[in-house]
C-alpha atoms as a PDB file:
ATOM      1  CA  GLN A   1     102.808 -37.873  44.243  1.00  0.00           C
ATOM      2  CA  VAL A   2     100.180 -37.958  41.522  1.00  0.00           C
ATOM      3  CA  GLN A   3      98.997 -34.513  40.203  1.00  0.00           C
ATOM      4  CA  LEU A   4      96.339 -33.688  37.472  1.00  0.00           C
ATOM      5  CA  VAL A   5      96.132 -30.029  36.897  1.00  0.00           C
ATOM      6  CA  GLU A   6      93.387 -28.668  34.587  1.00  0.00           C
ATOM      7  CA  SER A   7      93.747 -25.262  32.722  1.00  0.00           C
ATOM      8  CA  GLY A   8      92.348 -23.041  30.102  1.00  0.00           C
ATOM      9  CA  GLY A   9      88.861 -22.557  31.637  1.00  0.00           C
ATOM     10  CA  GLY A  10      87.210 -19.211  31.403  1.00  0.00           C
ATOM     11  CA  LEU A  11      84.173 -17.061  30.292  1.00  0.00           C
ATOM     12  CA  VAL A  12      83.228 -17.210  26.666  1.00  0.00           C
ATOM     13  CA  GLN A  13      80.205 -16.347  24.500  1.00  0.00           C
ATOM     14  CA  ALA A  14      77.938 -18.969  23.207  1.00  0.00           C
ATOM     15  CA  GLY A  15      79.264 -20.400  19.840  1.00  0.00           C
ATOM     16  CA  ALA A  16      82.808 -19.978  20.888  1.00  0.00           C
ATOM     17  CA  SER A  17      85.559 -22.459  21.345  1.00  0.00           C
ATOM     18  CA  LEU A  18      87.736 -23.356  24.147  1.00  0.00           C
ATOM     19  CA  ARG A  19      90.561 -25.856  24.722  1.00  0.00           C
ATOM     20  CA  LEU A  20      91.116 -27.305  28.192  1.00  0.00           C
ATOM     21  CA  SER A  21      94.354 -28.877  29.022  1.00  0.00           C
ATOM     22  CA  CYS A  22      95.379 -31.329  31.688  1.00  0.00           C
ATOM     23  CA  SER A  23      98.853 -31.822  32.876  1.00  0.00           C
ATOM     24  CA  VAL A  24      99.594 -35.089  34.570  1.00  0.00           C
ATOM     25  CA  SER A  25     102.531 -36.033  36.670  1.00  0.00           C
ATOM     26  CA  GLY A  26     103.543 -38.610  39.085  1.00  0.00           C
ATOM     27  CA  LEU A  27     102.410 -41.530  37.249  1.00  0.00           C
ATOM     28  CA  THR A  28     103.214 -43.471  33.915  1.00  0.00           C
ATOM     29  CA  PHE A  29     100.970 -41.324  31.789  1.00  0.00           C
ATOM     30  CA  SER A  30     101.159 -43.406  28.709  1.00  0.00           C
ATOM     31  CA  ALA A  31      99.751 -46.465  30.680  1.00  0.00           C
ATOM     32  CA  TYR A  32      96.686 -44.685  31.745  1.00  0.00           C
ATOM     33  CA  ASN A  33      93.432 -44.040  30.118  1.00  0.00           C
ATOM     34  CA  MET A  34      92.002 -40.574  30.528  1.00  0.00           C
ATOM     35  CA  GLY A  35      88.512 -39.207  31.086  1.00  0.00           C
ATOM     36  CA  TRP A  36      87.001 -35.703  31.294  1.00  0.00           C
ATOM     37  CA  PHE A  37      83.951 -34.904  33.505  1.00  0.00           C
ATOM     38  CA  ARG A  38      82.125 -31.803  34.246  1.00  0.00           C
ATOM     39  CA  GLN A  39      80.004 -30.577  37.138  1.00  0.00           C
ATOM     40  CA  ALA A  40      77.337 -27.745  36.744  1.00  0.00           C
ATOM     41  CA  SER A  41      76.438 -25.830  39.831  1.00  0.00           C
ATOM     42  CA  GLY A  42      73.691 -27.798  41.839  1.00  0.00           C
ATOM     43  CA  LYS A  43      74.136 -30.833  39.639  1.00  0.00           C
ATOM     44  CA  GLU A  44      75.998 -34.184  39.711  1.00  0.00           C
ATOM     45  CA  ARG A  45      79.280 -34.703  37.878  1.00  0.00           C
ATOM     46  CA  GLU A  46      78.680 -36.135  34.599  1.00  0.00           C
ATOM     47  CA  PHE A  47      80.814 -37.981  32.044  1.00  0.00           C
ATOM     48  CA  VAL A  48      82.224 -35.789  29.073  1.00  0.00           C
ATOM     49  CA  GLY A  49      84.417 -38.264  27.259  1.00  0.00           C
ATOM     50  CA  PHE A  50      87.410 -40.540  27.298  1.00  0.00           C
ATOM     51  CA  ILE A  51      90.599 -41.301  25.484  1.00  0.00           C
ATOM     52  CA  ASP A  52      92.523 -44.578  25.860  1.00  0.00           C
ATOM     53  CA  TRP A  53      96.275 -44.874  26.745  1.00  0.00           C
ATOM     54  CA  SER A  54      97.278 -44.875  22.989  1.00  0.00           C
ATOM     55  CA  GLY A  55      95.162 -41.936  21.811  1.00  0.00           C
ATOM     56  CA  ARG A  56      93.467 -44.072  19.238  1.00  0.00           C
ATOM     57  CA  ASN A  57      90.322 -44.688  20.858  1.00  0.00           C
ATOM     58  CA  THR A  58      87.850 -42.093  22.124  1.00  0.00           C
ATOM     59  CA  GLU A  59      84.360 -42.108  23.556  1.00  0.00           C
ATOM     60  CA  TYR A  60      81.984 -39.239  24.158  1.00  0.00           C
ATOM     61  CA  ALA A  61      78.668 -38.580  25.970  1.00  0.00           C
ATOM     62  CA  GLY A  62      75.888 -38.189  23.487  1.00  0.00           C
ATOM     63  CA  SER A  63      75.369 -34.451  24.091  1.00  0.00           C
ATOM     64  CA  MET A  64      79.047 -33.768  23.534  1.00  0.00           C
ATOM     65  CA  GLU A  65      79.527 -35.931  20.522  1.00  0.00           C
ATOM     66  CA  GLY A  66      80.453 -33.861  17.392  1.00  0.00           C
ATOM     67  CA  ARG A  67      81.327 -30.681  19.365  1.00  0.00           C
ATOM     68  CA  PHE A  68      83.928 -31.951  21.831  1.00  0.00           C
ATOM     69  CA  THR A  69      87.339 -33.728  20.844  1.00  0.00           C
ATOM     70  CA  ILE A  70      89.667 -35.262  23.354  1.00  0.00           C
ATOM     71  CA  SER A  71      93.283 -35.638  22.387  1.00  0.00           C
ATOM     72  CA  ARG A  72      96.484 -36.373  24.265  1.00  0.00           C
ATOM     73  CA  ASN A  73     100.273 -36.066  24.002  1.00  0.00           C
ATOM     74  CA  ASN A  74     102.066 -38.884  25.628  1.00  0.00           C
ATOM     75  CA  THR A  75     105.369 -37.171  25.168  1.00  0.00           C
ATOM     76  CA  ASP A  76     104.306 -34.068  27.291  1.00  0.00           C
ATOM     77  CA  ASN A  77     101.936 -36.018  29.759  1.00  0.00           C
ATOM     78  CA  MET A  78      99.009 -33.872  28.460  1.00  0.00           C
ATOM     79  CA  VAL A  79      95.530 -34.487  27.698  1.00  0.00           C
ATOM     80  CA  TYR A  80      93.211 -31.980  25.881  1.00  0.00           C
ATOM     81  CA  LEU A  81      89.570 -31.196  25.671  1.00  0.00           C
ATOM     82  CA  GLN A  82      88.602 -29.119  22.558  1.00  0.00           C
ATOM     83  CA  MET A  83      85.125 -27.577  22.959  1.00  0.00           C
ATOM     84  CA  ASN A  84      83.394 -26.072  20.004  1.00  0.00           C
ATOM     85  CA  SER A  85      80.166 -24.409  19.429  1.00  0.00           C
ATOM     86  CA  LEU A  86      79.719 -23.881  23.216  1.00  0.00           C
ATOM     87  CA  LYS A  87      76.332 -23.508  24.692  1.00  0.00           C
ATOM     88  CA  PRO A  88      75.238 -21.922  28.092  1.00  0.00           C
ATOM     89  CA  GLU A  89      74.433 -25.322  29.249  1.00  0.00           C
ATOM     90  CA  ASP A  90      78.096 -26.300  28.847  1.00  0.00           C
ATOM     91  CA  THR A  91      78.703 -23.999  31.920  1.00  0.00           C
ATOM     92  CA  ALA A  92      80.450 -26.165  34.503  1.00  0.00           C
ATOM     93  CA  VAL A  93      83.578 -27.023  36.400  1.00  0.00           C
ATOM     94  CA  TYR A  94      85.418 -29.486  34.037  1.00  0.00           C
ATOM     95  CA  PHE A  95      87.625 -32.200  35.630  1.00  0.00           C
ATOM     96  CA  CYS A  96      90.198 -34.638  34.114  1.00  0.00           C
ATOM     97  CA  ALA A  97      90.605 -38.112  35.605  1.00  0.00           C
ATOM     98  CA  ALA A  98      93.015 -40.952  35.136  1.00  0.00           C
ATOM     99  CA  THR A  99      92.347 -44.604  35.227  1.00  0.00           C
ATOM    100  CA  ILE A 100      94.692 -47.704  34.841  1.00  0.00           C
ATOM    101  CA  TYR A 101      91.602 -50.116  34.283  1.00  0.00           C
ATOM    102  CA  THR A 102      90.317 -51.223  30.934  1.00  0.00           C
ATOM    103  CA  SER A 103      86.506 -51.407  30.882  1.00  0.00           C
ATOM    104  CA  SER A 104      84.391 -53.491  28.484  1.00  0.00           C
ATOM    105  CA  ILE A 105      81.299 -51.412  29.314  1.00  0.00           C
ATOM    106  CA  GLY A 106      82.734 -47.950  28.722  1.00  0.00           C
ATOM    107  CA  TYR A 107      84.410 -45.405  30.891  1.00  0.00           C
ATOM    108  CA  SER A 108      81.758 -43.071  32.101  1.00  0.00           C
ATOM    109  CA  ALA A 109      81.681 -44.317  35.584  1.00  0.00           C
ATOM    110  CA  GLU A 110      83.486 -42.025  37.962  1.00  0.00           C
ATOM    111  CA  THR A 111      84.411 -45.094  40.176  1.00  0.00           C
ATOM    112  CA  LEU A 112      86.826 -46.294  37.435  1.00  0.00           C
ATOM    113  CA  TYR A 113      89.142 -43.390  37.996  1.00  0.00           C
ATOM    114  CA  GLY A 114      91.568 -43.288  40.687  1.00  0.00           C
ATOM    115  CA  TYR A 115      93.122 -39.827  40.158  1.00  0.00           C
ATOM    116  CA  TRP A 116      91.335 -36.590  39.666  1.00  0.00           C
ATOM    117  CA  GLY A 117      92.286 -32.892  38.976  1.00  0.00           C
ATOM    118  CA  GLN A 118      90.836 -29.864  40.938  1.00  0.00           C
ATOM    119  CA  GLY A 119      88.806 -28.723  37.953  1.00  0.00           C
ATOM    120  CA  THR A 120      88.728 -25.615  35.770  1.00  0.00           C
ATOM    121  CA  GLN A 121      85.694 -23.402  35.466  1.00  0.00           C
ATOM    122  CA  VAL A 122      83.950 -22.821  32.213  1.00  0.00           C
ATOM    123  CA  ILE A 123      81.167 -20.200  31.913  1.00  0.00           C
ATOM    124  CA  VAL A 124      79.352 -19.807  28.587  1.00  0.00           C
ATOM    125  CA  SER A 125      77.345 -16.727  28.301  1.00  0.00           C
ATOM    126  CA  SER A 126      74.263 -16.331  26.073  1.00  0.00           C
END
């Protein structure tokens, strides 16, 4: 049974940092590309960023580039989202997702991902 479990969310003040973790089990983690998405209340889920199976390649949504960093540990089956300089507009439920596919047009499409976590809430107060 495949499981993706996010953790590390919480309430922080604007300007703070937070690191989210995603623990993955039930699949060959090192073969999967991993994405992070978020969904604010009343809004559609949006792409945050992506890291490939090797950890050598990443891709970020424009508004997160430079503030957010994705990394992974293939030994521990973990993927991380380091978020710095948080803003109130970063408030959302954050999801990790796994895809076995390789895309030549980027990894922002939710339909690429076959496995999803349940999400972890991040609230950034002003």
